[in-house]
Amino acid sequence: MSRFVKLEEKASVRKIRRIPTQGDVLVAKGDVVEPETVLARGTVVNPDIREVKVYARLGVDPEQVARHMLKEEGDQVKKDEVIAIARSFFGRFTKVCRSPMEGTIEVFSKRAGRALIRGKPIPVEIRAHIPGRITEIIPDEGAVVETQASIVRGVFGVGGEVHGELAFAVENPGEPLTTEVLSSDQQGRVLVGGSFTTLDAMRKAAKIGVGGIITGGVDQKDLTEFLGEEIGMGVTGGESGVTTLIITEGFGIYPMNQETFRLLKSYEGRKVSIDGTTQIRQRMLRPEVIIPL
């Protein structure tokens, strides 16, 4: 078995679930939750901020812009809403400046005749990810969920948190996951492969809507092509629009360890929670399969 893979049968699992800001906690200590239960909600500052040269849009000197502004610092604006207007020749000629996006006028410089508009706050929420009981509340941020489960940790993964029925696409740990063993009735399921998964299989799985794939290995070039970008070896899990993939052995063709395959097989048909997030450089965080008991 790969030295990176760790199996735990009938373990106590404790998950700290929190949003990256202060917000509203929606559960109480002792509540029983499901993977999709929202534990907390809030908003974070939008990183998208744009400079608008109001003076250039109006065709006036920067120092004159203030008299033409219809909005002030702190005002909310909609996309294409007029924020300043200048008229000349008794109103016969009009020039306007519109907001390039929905958001808030964060700064207006009277001297420079420019405005900075920041996008509207981004809503965030955190779900339980696993079924269990709330054992602790983190004020304004989230909660702790605990449950009994068996765990399989892989060596590398991509894609975020997924929940679905555990299903087997192969008969033995040395068999590859190919397009031939994929079908539309596997939509939403977490599939177990054997030695590796092909690029075509990953693409077909994504098209079908497969929830996730657990396999022994994968060709690194195939994975890069599937993602459409170089693989981030430091931190993964934030990839969007991809099927979550967890490899249990390494890059290349590696039959899944017999003990890992056996443990997963014993839970076939059960609901599982998986997460492809991998972090190697700062703190060790491996992708995992959690099988609630």
Protein backbone atom coordinates (compact mmCIF):
# COMPACT_ATOMS: atom_id res chain seq x y z
CA MET A 1 0.00 0.00 0.00
CA SER A 2 1.24 3.52 -0.83
CA ARG A 3 2.74 5.21 2.21
CA PHE A 4 0.45 8.20 1.61
CA VAL A 5 -2.80 6.22 1.82
CA LYS A 6 -4.39 5.83 5.19
CA LEU A 7 -7.41 3.72 5.97
CA GLU A 8 -9.54 4.12 9.05
CA GLU A 9 -12.43 1.81 9.77
CA LYS A 10 -15.17 2.87 12.16
CA ALA A 11 -13.45 6.06 13.23
CA SER A 12 -14.79 9.19 14.90
CA VAL A 13 -14.80 12.00 12.33
CA ARG A 14 -14.83 15.63 13.42
CA LYS A 15 -15.24 18.33 10.77
CA ILE A 16 -14.80 22.04 11.50
CA ARG A 17 -17.03 23.90 9.05
CA ARG A 18 -16.75 27.68 8.86
CA ILE A 19 -17.23 30.52 6.41
CA PRO A 20 -14.25 32.85 5.68
CA THR A 21 -15.94 35.85 7.30
CA GLN A 22 -18.48 36.68 9.98
CA GLY A 23 -22.10 35.87 9.25
CA ASP A 24 -25.13 34.00 10.53
CA VAL A 25 -24.94 30.50 12.01
CA LEU A 26 -28.10 28.59 11.08
CA VAL A 27 -27.84 25.53 13.33
CA ALA A 28 -27.71 24.83 17.05
CA LYS A 29 -25.68 22.46 19.16
CA GLY A 30 -27.24 19.00 19.10
CA ASP A 31 -28.88 19.40 15.69
CA VAL A 32 -28.75 16.41 13.36
CA VAL A 33 -27.61 17.48 9.89
CA GLU A 34 -27.28 16.02 6.40
CA PRO A 35 -24.45 16.71 3.92
CA GLU A 36 -26.47 19.44 2.18
CA THR A 37 -27.53 21.21 5.38
CA VAL A 38 -26.36 24.86 5.31
CA LEU A 39 -24.61 25.64 8.58
CA ALA A 40 -23.71 29.31 8.11
CA ARG A 41 -24.06 32.16 5.61
CA GLY A 42 -22.34 35.50 5.09
CA THR A 43 -20.77 37.78 2.50
CA VAL A 44 -17.18 38.61 1.59
CA VAL A 45 -15.68 41.65 -0.09
CA ASN A 46 -15.65 41.42 -3.87
CA PRO A 47 -12.05 41.61 -5.17
CA ASP A 48 -13.25 43.12 -8.45
CA ILE A 49 -12.68 46.87 -8.31
CA ARG A 50 -12.56 49.11 -11.37
CA GLU A 51 -11.35 52.64 -11.95
CA VAL A 52 -13.66 54.92 -13.93
CA LYS A 53 -12.14 58.06 -15.48
CA VAL A 54 -15.26 60.15 -15.16
CA TYR A 55 -13.61 63.31 -16.49
CA ALA A 56 -12.66 61.56 -19.74
CA ARG A 57 -16.19 60.22 -20.25
CA LEU A 58 -17.68 63.68 -19.74
CA GLY A 59 -14.97 65.58 -21.57
CA VAL A 60 -14.37 68.03 -18.72
CA ASP A 61 -11.44 68.97 -16.50
CA PRO A 62 -10.97 66.61 -13.52
CA GLU A 63 -11.63 69.39 -11.00
CA GLN A 64 -15.05 70.05 -12.58
CA VAL A 65 -16.34 66.47 -12.31
CA ALA A 66 -17.80 66.84 -8.80
CA ARG A 67 -20.53 69.22 -9.98
CA HIS A 68 -21.68 66.67 -12.55
CA MET A 69 -21.81 63.61 -10.28
CA LEU A 70 -25.21 62.01 -9.62
CA LYS A 71 -23.77 59.50 -7.14
CA GLU A 72 -21.59 59.83 -4.07
CA GLU A 73 -19.12 57.64 -2.21
CA GLY A 74 -20.95 54.71 -0.63
CA ASP A 75 -23.83 54.77 -3.13
CA GLN A 76 -24.86 51.51 -4.75
CA VAL A 77 -25.04 51.45 -8.53
CA LYS A 78 -26.29 49.06 -11.17
CA LYS A 79 -24.48 48.06 -14.33
CA ASP A 80 -24.79 50.80 -16.98
CA GLU A 81 -26.47 53.17 -14.51
CA VAL A 82 -25.59 56.84 -15.14
CA ILE A 83 -23.33 58.10 -12.35
CA ALA A 84 -22.47 61.49 -13.88
CA ILE A 85 -23.87 63.73 -16.60
CA ALA A 86 -22.60 66.89 -18.31
CA ARG A 87 -24.63 69.18 -20.54
CA SER A 88 -23.39 71.99 -22.74
CA PHE A 89 -24.81 74.60 -25.14
CA PHE A 90 -28.04 74.99 -23.14
CA GLY A 91 -28.58 71.24 -22.93
CA ARG A 92 -28.24 70.54 -26.63
CA PHE A 93 -25.18 68.31 -26.10
CA THR A 94 -25.09 65.73 -23.34
CA LYS A 95 -22.38 63.34 -22.21
CA VAL A 96 -22.85 60.67 -19.56
CA CYS A 97 -20.67 58.32 -17.56
CA ARG A 98 -22.09 54.91 -16.73
CA SER A 99 -21.06 52.33 -14.17
CA PRO A 100 -19.24 49.37 -15.74
CA MET A 101 -20.78 46.95 -13.24
CA GLU A 102 -23.13 46.50 -10.32
CA GLY A 103 -21.57 47.45 -7.03
CA THR A 104 -20.70 50.40 -4.79
CA ILE A 105 -18.80 53.62 -5.39
CA GLU A 106 -15.99 53.01 -2.95
CA VAL A 107 -13.89 56.11 -3.67
CA PHE A 108 -14.43 59.34 -5.61
CA SER A 109 -11.51 61.72 -6.06
CA LYS A 110 -12.64 65.30 -6.63
CA ARG A 111 -9.15 66.32 -7.60
CA ALA A 112 -8.56 63.51 -10.10
CA GLY A 113 -12.13 63.27 -11.36
CA ARG A 114 -12.05 59.50 -11.00
CA ALA A 115 -14.15 56.91 -9.19
CA LEU A 116 -13.40 53.41 -7.91
CA ILE A 117 -16.34 51.02 -8.11
CA ARG A 118 -16.22 47.71 -6.28
CA GLY A 119 -18.42 44.77 -7.22
CA LYS A 120 -21.29 43.81 -4.94
CA PRO A 121 -20.41 41.60 -1.93
CA ILE A 122 -20.15 37.90 -2.71
CA PRO A 123 -22.47 35.58 -0.75
CA VAL A 124 -20.79 32.58 0.88
CA GLU A 125 -22.15 29.62 2.80
CA ILE A 126 -20.86 26.39 4.27
CA ARG A 127 -22.65 23.06 4.25
CA ALA A 128 -22.18 20.13 6.60
CA HIS A 129 -20.56 17.90 3.93
CA ILE A 130 -21.13 14.85 6.13
CA PRO A 131 -24.22 13.61 7.99
CA GLY A 132 -23.90 13.84 11.72
CA ARG A 133 -24.58 15.89 14.82
CA ILE A 134 -23.55 19.45 15.66
CA THR A 135 -21.27 19.22 18.69
CA GLU A 136 -19.98 22.79 18.81
CA ILE A 137 -20.95 26.22 17.51
CA ILE A 138 -18.30 28.64 16.25
CA PRO A 139 -19.94 32.03 16.89
CA ASP A 140 -20.67 34.01 13.71
CA GLU A 141 -18.66 31.55 11.58
CA GLY A 142 -19.91 27.98 11.60
CA ALA A 143 -20.03 24.75 13.56
CA VAL A 144 -18.39 21.40 14.21
CA VAL A 145 -20.00 18.23 12.81
CA GLU A 146 -19.18 14.81 14.23
CA THR A 147 -20.07 11.34 12.99
CA GLN A 148 -18.85 7.76 12.90
CA ALA A 149 -17.38 6.73 9.56
CA SER A 150 -14.76 4.78 7.68
CA ILE A 151 -12.17 6.87 5.81
CA VAL A 152 -9.96 6.35 2.77
CA ARG A 153 -7.33 9.03 2.14
CA GLY A 154 -5.68 9.31 -1.26
CA VAL A 155 -2.33 10.70 -2.41
CA PHE A 156 -3.70 13.38 -4.72
CA GLY A 157 -6.99 14.77 -5.94
CA VAL A 158 -8.75 17.56 -7.78
CA GLY A 159 -12.24 18.97 -7.45
CA GLY A 160 -14.21 19.89 -4.38
CA GLU A 161 -16.73 18.32 -2.04
CA VAL A 162 -19.22 15.84 -3.51
CA HIS A 163 -21.83 13.51 -2.04
CA GLY A 164 -23.26 10.47 -3.76
CA GLU A 165 -23.84 6.74 -3.85
CA LEU A 166 -20.69 4.63 -3.99
CA ALA A 167 -20.69 2.45 -7.10
CA PHE A 168 -18.15 0.17 -8.75
CA ALA A 169 -17.31 0.48 -12.44
CA VAL A 170 -14.73 -2.33 -12.40
CA GLU A 171 -14.52 -5.85 -11.01
CA ASN A 172 -10.94 -5.84 -9.71
CA PRO A 173 -8.30 -3.31 -8.58
CA GLY A 174 -6.13 -3.88 -11.66
CA GLU A 175 -8.85 -3.00 -14.17
CA PRO A 176 -8.80 0.46 -15.79
CA LEU A 177 -11.75 2.83 -15.81
CA THR A 178 -12.65 3.32 -19.48
CA THR A 179 -15.55 4.77 -21.43
CA GLU A 180 -16.95 1.26 -22.01
CA VAL A 181 -17.92 0.88 -18.35
CA LEU A 182 -19.62 4.28 -18.09
CA SER A 183 -23.34 4.88 -18.63
CA SER A 184 -25.94 7.57 -18.01
CA ASP A 185 -27.41 5.76 -15.00
CA GLN A 186 -24.19 6.57 -13.10
CA GLN A 187 -25.12 10.25 -12.92
CA GLY A 188 -24.48 11.64 -9.44
CA ARG A 189 -22.66 8.52 -8.25
CA VAL A 190 -19.12 8.21 -6.94
CA LEU A 191 -17.40 5.59 -9.09
CA VAL A 192 -14.56 3.32 -8.06
CA GLY A 193 -12.08 2.40 -10.78
CA GLY A 194 -9.03 0.16 -10.61
CA SER A 195 -5.54 0.87 -11.90
CA PHE A 196 -6.21 4.19 -13.65
CA THR A 197 -8.75 6.26 -15.54
CA THR A 198 -8.34 7.32 -19.15
CA LEU A 199 -8.74 10.87 -20.43
CA ASP A 200 -11.77 9.86 -22.49
CA ALA A 201 -13.33 8.28 -19.40
CA MET A 202 -12.86 11.46 -17.37
CA ARG A 203 -14.46 13.49 -20.14
CA LYS A 204 -17.38 11.10 -20.50
CA ALA A 205 -17.88 10.97 -16.73
CA ALA A 206 -18.06 14.78 -16.63
CA LYS A 207 -20.55 14.79 -19.51
CA ILE A 208 -22.74 12.16 -17.83
CA GLY A 209 -22.63 14.05 -14.54
CA VAL A 210 -20.74 11.47 -12.47
CA GLY A 211 -20.21 12.89 -8.98
CA GLY A 212 -16.68 11.65 -8.49
CA ILE A 213 -14.06 9.06 -9.40
CA ILE A 214 -11.79 7.08 -7.07
CA THR A 215 -8.98 5.21 -8.82
CA GLY A 216 -5.46 3.91 -8.28
CA GLY A 217 -3.70 6.23 -10.69
CA VAL A 218 -3.97 8.66 -13.57
CA ASP A 219 -1.60 9.90 -16.25
CA GLN A 220 -0.47 13.39 -15.24
CA LYS A 221 -0.62 14.66 -18.84
CA ASP A 222 -4.17 13.35 -19.20
CA LEU A 223 -5.20 15.08 -15.99
CA THR A 224 -3.63 18.36 -17.16
CA GLU A 225 -5.48 18.12 -20.47
CA PHE A 226 -8.73 17.29 -18.68
CA LEU A 227 -8.40 20.33 -16.42
CA GLY A 228 -7.27 22.59 -19.25
CA GLU A 229 -4.36 23.92 -17.19
CA GLU A 230 -1.25 22.82 -15.36
CA ILE A 231 -1.93 20.92 -12.17
CA GLY A 232 -1.34 22.94 -9.03
CA MET A 233 0.80 20.64 -6.92
CA GLY A 234 0.62 22.94 -3.89
CA VAL A 235 -3.13 23.32 -3.40
CA THR A 236 -6.04 21.81 -5.34
CA GLY A 237 -9.77 21.56 -4.78
CA GLY A 238 -10.85 24.90 -6.18
CA GLU A 239 -11.19 23.66 -9.75
CA SER A 240 -14.62 24.43 -11.18
CA GLY A 241 -16.63 22.41 -13.66
CA VAL A 242 -14.65 19.19 -13.21
CA THR A 243 -15.52 15.78 -11.84
CA THR A 244 -13.86 15.31 -8.47
CA LEU A 245 -11.03 12.78 -8.81
CA ILE A 246 -9.15 11.00 -6.03
CA ILE A 247 -6.14 8.80 -6.81
CA THR A 248 -5.11 6.39 -4.08
CA GLU A 249 -1.68 5.26 -5.29
CA GLY A 250 0.07 7.78 -7.58
CA PHE A 251 0.53 9.21 -11.06
CA GLY A 252 0.68 6.48 -13.68
CA ILE A 253 -0.85 3.01 -13.89
CA TYR A 254 -1.17 1.70 -10.34
CA PRO A 255 -3.63 -1.03 -9.36
CA MET A 256 -5.56 0.08 -6.32
CA ASN A 257 -4.31 -1.45 -3.11
CA GLN A 258 -6.24 -4.63 -2.29
CA GLU A 259 -7.14 -3.50 1.21
CA THR A 260 -8.42 -0.14 -0.07
CA PHE A 261 -10.44 -1.85 -2.80
CA ARG A 262 -11.88 -4.33 -0.29
CA LEU A 263 -12.90 -1.62 2.17
CA LEU A 264 -14.63 0.43 -0.53
CA LYS A 265 -16.32 -2.68 -1.93
CA SER A 266 -17.78 -3.49 1.47
CA TYR A 267 -19.65 -0.17 1.34
CA GLU A 268 -20.92 -0.38 -2.23
CA GLY A 269 -24.32 1.28 -2.52
CA ARG A 270 -23.78 3.48 0.54
CA LYS A 271 -23.82 7.28 0.52
CA VAL A 272 -20.33 8.75 0.71
CA SER A 273 -18.81 12.22 1.00
CA ILE A 274 -15.63 12.88 -0.96
CA ASP A 275 -13.29 15.84 -1.31
CA GLY A 276 -10.41 16.10 -3.80
CA THR A 277 -8.73 18.99 -1.98
CA THR A 278 -4.98 18.41 -1.66
CA GLN A 279 -2.46 20.63 0.08
CA ILE A 280 1.17 19.62 0.27
CA ARG A 281 3.45 22.61 0.83
CA GLN A 282 2.15 24.41 3.91
CA ARG A 283 0.25 21.71 5.75
CA MET A 284 -0.47 18.16 4.77
CA LEU A 285 -4.02 17.79 3.54
CA ARG A 286 -4.95 14.75 1.49
CA PRO A 287 -8.11 14.00 -0.50
CA GLU A 288 -10.50 11.74 1.34
CA VAL A 289 -13.51 9.48 1.06
CA ILE A 290 -15.77 9.51 4.12
CA ILE A 291 -18.27 6.66 4.45
CA PRO A 292 -20.75 7.38 7.26
CA LEU A 293 -21.74 4.31 9.27
